[in-house]
Protein backbone atom coordinates (compact mmCIF):
# COMPACT_ATOMS: atom_id res chain seq x y z
CA MET A 1 0.00 0.00 0.00
CA ALA A 2 1.58 3.24 -1.11
CA ASP A 3 -0.30 5.58 1.22
CA ALA A 4 1.66 6.64 4.29
CA VAL A 5 0.31 5.94 7.74
CA ASN A 6 -0.02 9.20 9.64
CA GLY A 7 0.78 8.01 13.16
CA ALA A 8 -2.48 7.09 14.85
CA GLY A 9 -4.37 8.67 11.99
CA GLY A 10 -5.69 7.14 8.82
CA THR A 11 -4.54 7.43 5.24
CA ASP A 12 -5.54 9.68 2.42
CA GLY A 13 -6.36 7.57 -0.61
CA ALA A 14 -5.78 8.49 -4.24
CA ASP A 15 -9.43 9.58 -4.51
CA GLY A 16 -9.09 11.92 -1.54
CA THR A 17 -11.13 9.77 0.85
CA ARG A 18 -10.01 9.44 4.43
CA GLY A 19 -9.20 6.03 5.83
CA ALA A 20 -9.72 4.79 9.37
CA GLU A 21 -7.52 5.71 12.29
CA VAL A 22 -5.31 2.93 13.63
CA PRO A 23 -6.89 2.03 17.00
CA GLU A 24 -4.86 3.43 19.89
CA VAL A 25 -4.93 0.14 21.79
CA LEU A 26 -3.21 -1.59 18.88
CA LEU A 27 -0.55 1.11 18.54
CA ARG A 28 0.17 0.89 22.28
CA ALA A 29 0.46 -2.90 22.19
CA HIS A 30 2.73 -2.81 19.15
CA ALA A 31 4.96 -0.20 20.78
CA TYR A 32 5.28 -2.37 23.88
CA LEU A 33 6.15 -5.46 21.83
CA ARG A 34 8.75 -3.54 19.81
CA GLU A 35 10.34 -2.16 22.98
CA VAL A 36 10.58 -5.56 24.65
CA VAL A 37 11.97 -7.34 21.59
CA ALA A 38 14.59 -4.65 21.02
CA ALA A 39 15.90 -5.20 24.57
CA VAL A 40 16.40 -8.98 24.33
CA GLY A 41 20.03 -10.05 24.21
CA GLU A 42 21.08 -12.46 21.49
CA ALA A 43 21.89 -15.17 24.05
CA GLN A 44 18.48 -14.84 25.75
CA TRP A 45 16.22 -16.06 22.97
CA GLY A 46 16.44 -19.69 24.09
CA VAL A 47 15.15 -19.09 27.63
CA ALA A 48 11.94 -20.57 29.03
CA THR A 49 8.79 -18.43 29.12
CA PRO A 50 5.38 -18.44 30.83
CA CYS A 51 4.14 -20.24 27.69
CA GLU A 52 5.02 -23.75 28.84
CA GLY A 53 7.34 -25.57 26.46
CA TRP A 54 8.10 -22.49 24.36
CA THR A 55 11.30 -20.48 24.30
CA ALA A 56 11.31 -16.70 23.98
CA ARG A 57 12.16 -17.22 20.32
CA GLN A 58 9.07 -19.37 19.79
CA VAL A 59 6.85 -16.88 21.60
CA LEU A 60 8.08 -14.09 19.35
CA ASN A 61 7.56 -16.21 16.23
CA HIS A 62 4.04 -17.06 17.44
CA ALA A 63 3.26 -13.38 18.11
CA ARG A 64 4.70 -12.31 14.76
CA ILE A 65 2.65 -14.86 12.82
CA ASP A 66 -0.51 -13.98 14.76
CA GLN A 67 -0.05 -10.29 14.01
CA GLN A 68 0.52 -11.14 10.38
CA ALA A 69 -2.76 -13.08 10.43
CA TYR A 70 -4.68 -10.07 11.79
CA GLY A 71 -3.23 -7.83 9.11
CA LEU A 72 -3.74 -10.26 6.25
CA ALA A 73 -7.32 -10.96 7.32
CA LEU A 74 -8.13 -7.36 6.38
CA THR A 75 -6.67 -7.78 2.91
CA GLY A 76 -7.90 -11.28 2.14
CA GLY A 77 -4.75 -13.27 2.88
CA ARG A 78 -3.40 -15.77 5.39
CA PRO A 79 0.09 -16.30 6.86
CA GLY A 80 2.14 -19.15 5.49
CA SER A 81 3.05 -20.55 8.92
CA ASP A 82 1.08 -22.02 11.82
CA PRO A 83 1.34 -19.74 14.87
CA PHE A 84 0.71 -22.68 17.18
CA HIS A 85 3.76 -24.53 15.88
CA PRO A 86 6.30 -21.68 15.87
CA ALA A 87 9.85 -22.41 14.83
CA ASP A 88 12.58 -22.22 17.45
CA ALA A 89 14.77 -20.33 15.01
CA PHE A 90 14.96 -16.93 13.34
CA ASP A 91 15.17 -15.98 9.70
CA GLY A 92 16.93 -12.64 9.80
CA ASP A 93 17.02 -9.99 12.51
CA PRO A 94 14.09 -10.59 14.92
CA ALA A 95 13.37 -6.93 15.64
CA ALA A 96 13.52 -5.95 11.99
CA GLU A 97 11.30 -8.83 10.85
CA LEU A 98 8.78 -8.03 13.58
CA SER A 99 8.77 -4.37 12.61
CA LYS A 100 7.87 -5.23 9.02
CA VAL A 101 4.85 -7.20 10.21
CA LEU A 102 3.64 -4.61 12.72
CA ASP A 103 3.98 -1.82 10.17
CA ALA A 104 1.90 -3.86 7.72
CA VAL A 105 -0.81 -4.49 10.33
CA ALA A 106 -1.07 -0.80 11.19
CA GLU A 107 -1.17 0.06 7.50
CA ALA A 108 -3.98 -2.45 6.93
CA TYR A 109 -6.04 -0.91 9.74
CA ALA A 110 -5.33 2.58 8.46
CA GLY A 111 -6.55 1.47 5.03
CA LEU A 112 -10.02 0.54 6.29
CA PRO A 113 -12.90 2.86 5.42
CA ALA A 114 -13.39 5.55 8.05
CA ASP A 115 -16.89 4.18 8.74
CA ALA A 116 -15.75 0.56 9.16
CA ASP A 117 -17.88 -1.27 11.71
CA ARG A 118 -17.27 -5.03 11.55
CA VAL A 119 -13.99 -6.22 10.08
CA PRO A 120 -12.48 -9.61 9.16
CA THR A 121 -10.17 -11.28 11.69
CA PRO A 122 -8.69 -14.77 12.11
CA LEU A 123 -11.55 -15.31 14.59
CA GLY A 124 -14.22 -14.28 12.11
CA PRO A 125 -15.85 -10.88 11.58
CA LEU A 126 -15.79 -8.70 14.70
CA PRO A 127 -16.63 -5.11 15.60
CA LEU A 128 -13.63 -2.93 14.85
CA ASP A 129 -12.85 -2.16 18.49
CA ILE A 130 -12.98 -5.84 19.47
CA ALA A 131 -10.89 -6.88 16.47
CA ALA A 132 -8.20 -4.35 17.30
CA GLY A 133 -8.36 -5.32 20.97
CA ALA A 134 -7.88 -8.98 20.10
CA ALA A 135 -4.82 -8.21 17.99
CA ALA A 136 -3.50 -5.94 20.74
CA MET A 137 -4.07 -8.62 23.36
CA ASP A 138 -1.96 -11.10 21.44
CA ALA A 139 0.86 -8.59 20.90
CA ALA A 140 0.96 -7.14 24.40
CA VAL A 141 0.59 -10.32 26.41
CA HIS A 142 3.30 -12.09 24.45
CA ALA A 143 5.49 -9.02 24.87
CA TRP A 144 5.00 -9.48 28.62
CA ASP A 145 5.89 -13.18 28.29
CA ILE A 146 9.17 -12.26 26.62
CA ALA A 147 9.89 -9.41 29.03
CA VAL A 148 9.57 -11.50 32.20
CA ALA A 149 11.39 -14.45 30.61
CA THR A 150 14.39 -12.28 29.77
CA GLY A 151 14.52 -10.38 33.06
CA GLN A 152 13.27 -7.03 31.77
CA ASP A 153 11.65 -4.50 34.08
CA ARG A 154 8.99 -3.70 31.50
CA PRO A 155 5.56 -4.52 32.98
CA LEU A 156 2.46 -4.62 30.83
CA PRO A 157 1.27 -0.98 30.84
CA ALA A 158 -1.97 -0.44 32.73
CA ALA A 159 -3.53 1.67 29.97
CA THR A 160 -2.81 -1.04 27.41
CA ALA A 161 -4.32 -3.71 29.67
CA GLU A 162 -7.43 -1.59 30.20
CA GLY A 163 -7.81 -1.10 26.45
CA ILE A 164 -7.51 -4.84 25.83
CA ARG A 165 -9.91 -5.96 28.56
CA PRO A 166 -13.20 -5.50 26.62
CA ALA A 167 -11.94 -7.81 23.86
CA ALA A 168 -10.65 -10.31 26.42
CA ASP A 169 -13.98 -10.36 28.24
CA ARG A 170 -15.84 -10.95 24.99
CA LEU A 171 -13.57 -13.57 23.42
CA VAL A 172 -11.35 -15.44 25.84
CA ASP A 173 -13.80 -17.74 27.60
CA HIS A 174 -15.05 -19.03 24.24
CA LEU A 175 -11.51 -19.48 22.91
CA ARG A 176 -10.48 -21.23 26.11
CA ASP A 177 -13.42 -23.64 25.99
CA ALA A 178 -13.48 -24.29 22.25
CA PHE A 179 -9.79 -24.27 21.31
CA LYS A 180 -7.86 -24.59 24.59
CA VAL A 181 -5.63 -21.68 23.60
CA PHE A 182 -5.62 -20.18 27.11
CA ALA A 183 -4.91 -21.86 30.42
CA PRO A 184 -7.65 -21.72 33.07
CA ALA A 185 -8.12 -18.31 34.64
CA ARG A 186 -6.21 -17.74 37.87
CA GLU A 187 -7.20 -15.87 40.99
CA THR A 188 -6.29 -12.22 40.50
CA PRO A 189 -3.54 -11.22 42.96
CA ASP A 190 -4.52 -7.55 42.81
CA ALA A 191 -7.96 -6.62 41.53
CA HIS A 192 -6.90 -2.96 41.41
CA ASP A 193 -4.05 -3.70 38.99
CA PRO A 194 -5.52 -3.93 35.46
CA ALA A 195 -2.43 -5.63 34.07
CA ALA A 196 -2.29 -8.30 36.80
CA SER A 197 -6.03 -8.84 36.49
CA LEU A 198 -5.81 -9.31 32.72
CA LEU A 199 -2.83 -11.66 32.92
CA ALA A 200 -4.56 -13.80 35.56
CA PHE A 201 -7.74 -13.92 33.50
CA LEU A 202 -5.67 -15.19 30.57
CA GLY A 203 -4.27 -17.99 32.71
CA ARG A 204 -0.91 -16.44 33.51
CA ASP A 205 0.76 -15.93 36.87
CA PRO A 206 1.41 -12.17 37.03
CA ARG A 207 4.28 -12.91 39.43
CA TRP A 208 5.94 -15.47 37.16
CA THR A 209 9.72 -15.58 37.29
CA PRO A 210 12.15 -17.64 35.20
CA PRO A 211 12.98 -21.10 36.54
CA ALA A 212 16.31 -21.46 38.29
CA ASN A 213 19.05 -22.93 36.14
């Protein structure tokens, strides 16, 4: 797509029409994922993560393919890899390859009509805010997985968690029951912490730490 994405704004098409704005929750989640990935040391990509059985490298590959799926769903395509069988290897620079995908996703959202209501997603057609929240949930929560696995002091931002929560409340119980893609919800350690509450709802221990060597 040749039109430039104007930050959180939409695009101006060749006919002068205005495209949709990229949802803020998605931009926030993508920024968090970029920040975390950029801070991972080369020797850290093989470490264990809160996603049992997956290394940090596999979590990133899963997140990258999932984001690609959300972007391609808007343009009628599908990724060529299965996000639930991510490779434990990289093809090129991980931050650079991720950036290409996230830029394409934002561009796809910015290319939607300004009056877009329901949009295609890998989960089927959803209201725009829920679709963007679902994509943001995948990006931000896996960013947190990588951050805690690699010892980063980069917690899931509260505002991002709050923006994701409506999509999580609408989608996660069904996905958990039908596809087993989330572990059972945990007791929330701090109901006043939106990030901890979201992580626990998604089956994660908000206090997870890497296993001792």
